[in-house]
Amino acid sequence: MTTEALTLDRLRGDVARILEQDAAMIGDDDNLMDLGLDSMRTMTLVLEWEEAGVPIGFPDLAETTTLAGLWAIVSERQG
């Protein structure tokens, strides 16, 4: 399996895809829960990002509801 490093743009694109929105309309500080990111969609993203090699879990996404916050976690753990 080929893994692709996560970037802020990929995070935004993945979230936009799962929310069926235009990625350009999702700002770094937008509350993703307010945009419709529910627990089922969050788990889908967690699984995708774990497959990409980033140890991120549901609690991380539940506590960090913005792309900027997620990127801070991902960039730290991605090493």
C-alpha atoms as a PDB file:
ATOM      1  CA  MET A   1       0.000   0.000   0.000  1.00  0.00           C
ATOM      2  CA  THR A   2       1.339   3.426  -0.963  1.00  0.00           C
ATOM      3  CA  THR A   3       0.933   6.119   1.623  1.00  0.00           C
ATOM      4  CA  GLU A   4       0.811   9.786   0.791  1.00  0.00           C
ATOM      5  CA  ALA A   5       1.924  12.384   3.302  1.00  0.00           C
ATOM      6  CA  LEU A   6      -0.898  14.432   4.708  1.00  0.00           C
ATOM      7  CA  THR A   7      -0.791  18.125   3.892  1.00  0.00           C
ATOM      8  CA  LEU A   8      -3.117  20.895   4.950  1.00  0.00           C
ATOM      9  CA  ASP A   9      -4.519  20.878   1.416  1.00  0.00           C
ATOM     10  CA  ARG A  10      -5.157  17.135   1.573  1.00  0.00           C
ATOM     11  CA  LEU A  11      -6.862  17.488   4.959  1.00  0.00           C
ATOM     12  CA  ARG A  12      -9.066  20.224   3.522  1.00  0.00           C
ATOM     13  CA  GLY A  13      -9.803  18.154   0.425  1.00  0.00           C
ATOM     14  CA  ASP A  14     -10.653  15.039   2.427  1.00  0.00           C
ATOM     15  CA  VAL A  15     -12.981  16.980   4.712  1.00  0.00           C
ATOM     16  CA  ALA A  16     -14.587  18.743   1.737  1.00  0.00           C
ATOM     17  CA  ARG A  17     -15.118  15.437  -0.067  1.00  0.00           C
ATOM     18  CA  ILE A  18     -16.776  13.801   2.915  1.00  0.00           C
ATOM     19  CA  LEU A  19     -18.961  16.884   3.497  1.00  0.00           C
ATOM     20  CA  GLU A  20     -19.705  17.172  -0.226  1.00  0.00           C
ATOM     21  CA  GLN A  21     -18.521  20.778  -0.265  1.00  0.00           C
ATOM     22  CA  ASP A  22     -16.066  22.847  -2.264  1.00  0.00           C
ATOM     23  CA  ALA A  23     -12.684  22.749  -0.510  1.00  0.00           C
ATOM     24  CA  ALA A  24     -12.192  26.463  -1.179  1.00  0.00           C
ATOM     25  CA  MET A  25     -15.224  27.193   0.989  1.00  0.00           C
ATOM     26  CA  ILE A  26     -13.706  25.562   4.099  1.00  0.00           C
ATOM     27  CA  GLY A  27     -11.519  27.962   6.051  1.00  0.00           C
ATOM     28  CA  ASP A  28      -8.717  26.973   8.393  1.00  0.00           C
ATOM     29  CA  ASP A  29     -10.652  28.206  11.430  1.00  0.00           C
ATOM     30  CA  ASP A  30     -14.160  27.079  10.443  1.00  0.00           C
ATOM     31  CA  ASN A  31     -15.813  24.765  12.953  1.00  0.00           C
ATOM     32  CA  LEU A  32     -16.052  21.495  11.038  1.00  0.00           C
ATOM     33  CA  MET A  33     -18.889  20.252  13.228  1.00  0.00           C
ATOM     34  CA  ASP A  34     -20.918  23.304  12.244  1.00  0.00           C
ATOM     35  CA  LEU A  35     -20.259  22.398   8.608  1.00  0.00           C
ATOM     36  CA  GLY A  36     -21.720  18.923   9.128  1.00  0.00           C
ATOM     37  CA  LEU A  37     -18.815  16.752  10.230  1.00  0.00           C
ATOM     38  CA  ASP A  38     -20.598  14.202  12.403  1.00  0.00           C
ATOM     39  CA  SER A  39     -19.197  11.200  14.265  1.00  0.00           C
ATOM     40  CA  MET A  40     -19.626   8.733  11.382  1.00  0.00           C
ATOM     41  CA  ARG A  41     -17.839  10.999   8.919  1.00  0.00           C
ATOM     42  CA  THR A  42     -15.151  11.694  11.504  1.00  0.00           C
ATOM     43  CA  MET A  43     -14.479   7.968  11.899  1.00  0.00           C
ATOM     44  CA  THR A  44     -14.165   7.604   8.127  1.00  0.00           C
ATOM     45  CA  LEU A  45     -11.538  10.355   8.077  1.00  0.00           C
ATOM     46  CA  VAL A  46      -9.697   8.856  11.056  1.00  0.00           C
ATOM     47  CA  LEU A  47      -9.441   5.514   9.249  1.00  0.00           C
ATOM     48  CA  GLU A  48      -8.225   7.149   6.021  1.00  0.00           C
ATOM     49  CA  TRP A  49      -5.601   9.213   7.807  1.00  0.00           C
ATOM     50  CA  GLU A  50      -4.422   6.271   9.911  1.00  0.00           C
ATOM     51  CA  GLU A  51      -3.956   4.318   6.672  1.00  0.00           C
ATOM     52  CA  ALA A  52      -1.806   7.230   5.464  1.00  0.00           C
ATOM     53  CA  GLY A  53       0.430   6.593   8.468  1.00  0.00           C
ATOM     54  CA  VAL A  54      -0.700   9.339  10.844  1.00  0.00           C
ATOM     55  CA  PRO A  55      -1.614   8.129  14.334  1.00  0.00           C
ATOM     56  CA  ILE A  56      -4.726  10.196  14.862  1.00  0.00           C
ATOM     57  CA  GLY A  57      -7.828   9.120  16.700  1.00  0.00           C
ATOM     58  CA  PHE A  58     -11.445  10.052  17.102  1.00  0.00           C
ATOM     59  CA  PRO A  59     -10.786  11.996  20.342  1.00  0.00           C
ATOM     60  CA  ASP A  60      -8.300  14.202  18.473  1.00  0.00           C
ATOM     61  CA  LEU A  61     -10.948  15.194  15.963  1.00  0.00           C
ATOM     62  CA  ALA A  62     -13.644  15.544  18.593  1.00  0.00           C
ATOM     63  CA  GLU A  63     -11.501  17.972  20.597  1.00  0.00           C
ATOM     64  CA  THR A  64     -10.047  19.842  17.624  1.00  0.00           C
ATOM     65  CA  THR A  65     -12.824  21.067  15.390  1.00  0.00           C
ATOM     66  CA  THR A  66     -10.880  23.205  12.899  1.00  0.00           C
ATOM     67  CA  LEU A  67      -8.498  22.422  10.049  1.00  0.00           C
ATOM     68  CA  ALA A  68      -5.840  24.580  11.690  1.00  0.00           C
ATOM     69  CA  GLY A  69      -6.117  22.528  14.874  1.00  0.00           C
ATOM     70  CA  LEU A  70      -6.063  19.242  12.999  1.00  0.00           C
ATOM     71  CA  TRP A  71      -3.064  20.346  10.966  1.00  0.00           C
ATOM     72  CA  ALA A  72      -1.175  21.161  14.171  1.00  0.00           C
ATOM     73  CA  ILE A  73      -1.766  17.605  15.419  1.00  0.00           C
ATOM     74  CA  VAL A  74      -1.020  15.941  12.075  1.00  0.00           C
ATOM     75  CA  SER A  75       2.154  17.901  11.383  1.00  0.00           C
ATOM     76  CA  GLU A  76       3.477  17.069  14.866  1.00  0.00           C
ATOM     77  CA  ARG A  77       2.731  13.350  14.588  1.00  0.00           C
ATOM     78  CA  GLN A  78       3.693  12.917  10.973  1.00  0.00           C
ATOM     79  CA  GLY A  79       7.307  13.641  11.850  1.00  0.00           C
END
